């Protein structure tokens, strides 16, 4: 459950980031449980959907993992990494996840 102010903040964020998907939004707000429920056995048919979701890039080329790293959401980062995202995707500034992590702290880098 979220408060009215949290819901307003989410709506404002969604409005200002129209090309982000639910994974980006959950990464930004720190909803780690969203990513836990995406872990499925490889034999299930929605694996391609999960791969597309976590590797999707927004209007700035950022993936949900890059968003989580920038917000320093360690539990979200760990849950996204469990989904085996592509780590070599770059944003519009030619930064990949390692470049983003280098601008944060020791826990995020490891």
Protein backbone atom coordinates (compact mmCIF):
# COMPACT_ATOMS: atom_id res chain seq x y z
CA UNK A 1 0.00 0.00 0.00
CA UNK A 2 1.13 3.51 -0.74
CA UNK A 3 0.06 6.85 0.65
CA UNK A 4 -1.61 9.56 -1.39
CA UNK A 5 1.64 11.54 -1.53
CA UNK A 6 3.57 8.48 -2.72
CA UNK A 7 0.93 7.84 -5.38
CA UNK A 8 1.16 11.46 -6.51
CA UNK A 9 4.95 11.15 -6.70
CA UNK A 10 4.58 7.98 -8.80
CA UNK A 11 2.11 9.64 -11.15
CA UNK A 12 4.41 12.62 -11.60
CA UNK A 13 7.36 10.30 -12.29
CA UNK A 14 5.38 8.27 -14.84
CA UNK A 15 4.20 11.45 -16.52
CA UNK A 16 7.77 12.76 -16.87
CA UNK A 17 9.18 9.39 -18.04
CA UNK A 18 6.65 8.15 -20.61
CA UNK A 19 9.01 5.65 -22.27
CA UNK A 20 9.82 3.76 -19.09
CA UNK A 21 8.13 0.45 -18.38
CA UNK A 22 7.01 -1.01 -15.06
CA UNK A 23 10.49 -2.40 -14.39
CA UNK A 24 12.01 1.10 -14.62
CA UNK A 25 9.36 2.50 -12.30
CA UNK A 26 9.81 -0.27 -9.73
CA UNK A 27 13.59 0.18 -9.91
CA UNK A 28 13.26 3.93 -9.32
CA UNK A 29 10.94 3.53 -6.32
CA UNK A 30 12.77 0.55 -4.85
CA UNK A 31 10.13 -2.15 -5.26
CA UNK A 32 12.50 -5.13 -5.06
CA UNK A 33 9.67 -7.65 -4.67
CA UNK A 34 8.49 -6.88 -8.19
CA UNK A 35 11.70 -8.36 -9.56
CA UNK A 36 11.57 -11.38 -7.23
CA UNK A 37 8.28 -12.44 -8.77
CA UNK A 38 9.80 -12.27 -12.27
CA UNK A 39 12.22 -15.13 -11.52
CA UNK A 40 10.77 -18.14 -13.32
CA UNK A 41 12.10 -21.51 -14.44
CA UNK A 42 13.68 -21.30 -17.93
CA UNK A 43 11.10 -23.75 -19.29
CA UNK A 44 8.25 -21.28 -18.88
CA UNK A 45 7.19 -19.31 -21.92
CA UNK A 46 7.35 -15.82 -20.42
CA UNK A 47 11.16 -15.84 -20.09
CA UNK A 48 11.48 -13.84 -23.33
CA UNK A 49 9.02 -11.32 -21.93
CA UNK A 50 11.05 -10.97 -18.72
CA UNK A 51 14.25 -10.55 -20.75
CA UNK A 52 12.63 -7.84 -22.85
CA UNK A 53 11.25 -6.11 -19.77
CA UNK A 54 14.54 -5.93 -17.87
CA UNK A 55 16.63 -5.00 -20.92
CA UNK A 56 14.25 -2.33 -22.18
CA UNK A 57 15.79 1.12 -22.56
CA UNK A 58 13.97 4.39 -21.99
CA UNK A 59 14.24 7.63 -23.99
CA UNK A 60 17.71 8.21 -22.50
CA UNK A 61 18.86 4.65 -23.16
CA UNK A 62 18.65 3.66 -19.48
CA UNK A 63 17.69 0.15 -18.45
CA UNK A 64 15.89 -0.63 -15.19
CA UNK A 65 19.24 -1.80 -13.78
CA UNK A 66 20.85 1.55 -14.58
CA UNK A 67 17.95 3.34 -12.90
CA UNK A 68 18.32 1.15 -9.78
CA UNK A 69 22.07 1.78 -9.69
CA UNK A 70 21.62 5.55 -9.98
CA UNK A 71 19.10 5.47 -7.12
CA UNK A 72 21.44 3.12 -5.15
CA UNK A 73 18.69 0.55 -4.59
CA UNK A 74 20.88 -2.41 -3.59
CA UNK A 75 18.08 -4.96 -3.11
CA UNK A 76 16.57 -4.02 -6.47
CA UNK A 77 19.98 -4.32 -8.13
CA UNK A 78 20.49 -7.79 -6.65
CA UNK A 79 17.05 -8.94 -7.77
CA UNK A 80 17.54 -7.60 -11.30
CA UNK A 81 20.96 -9.28 -11.54
CA UNK A 82 19.27 -12.58 -10.62
CA UNK A 83 17.31 -12.21 -13.87
CA UNK A 84 20.54 -12.12 -15.95
CA UNK A 85 20.12 -8.74 -17.66
CA UNK A 86 22.40 -7.57 -20.43
CA UNK A 87 25.22 -5.61 -18.81
CA UNK A 88 26.68 -4.11 -21.95
CA UNK A 89 23.75 -1.88 -22.93
CA UNK A 90 24.68 1.79 -22.95
CA UNK A 91 22.68 4.93 -22.36
CA UNK A 92 22.74 8.10 -24.45
CA UNK A 93 25.96 9.18 -22.73
CA UNK A 94 27.62 5.83 -23.63
CA UNK A 95 27.57 4.63 -20.02
CA UNK A 96 26.90 0.99 -19.19
CA UNK A 97 26.01 -0.35 -15.74
CA UNK A 98 29.64 -0.41 -14.63
CA UNK A 99 30.05 3.27 -15.46
CA UNK A 100 26.91 4.03 -13.47
CA UNK A 101 28.06 1.91 -10.53
CA UNK A 102 31.45 3.65 -10.48
CA UNK A 103 29.65 6.87 -9.58
CA UNK A 104 27.98 5.38 -6.48
CA UNK A 105 29.42 3.52 -3.49
CA UNK A 106 31.37 0.38 -2.65
CA UNK A 107 28.30 -1.78 -1.98
CA UNK A 108 26.75 -0.96 -5.33
CA UNK A 109 30.04 -1.53 -7.17
CA UNK A 110 30.46 -5.00 -5.66
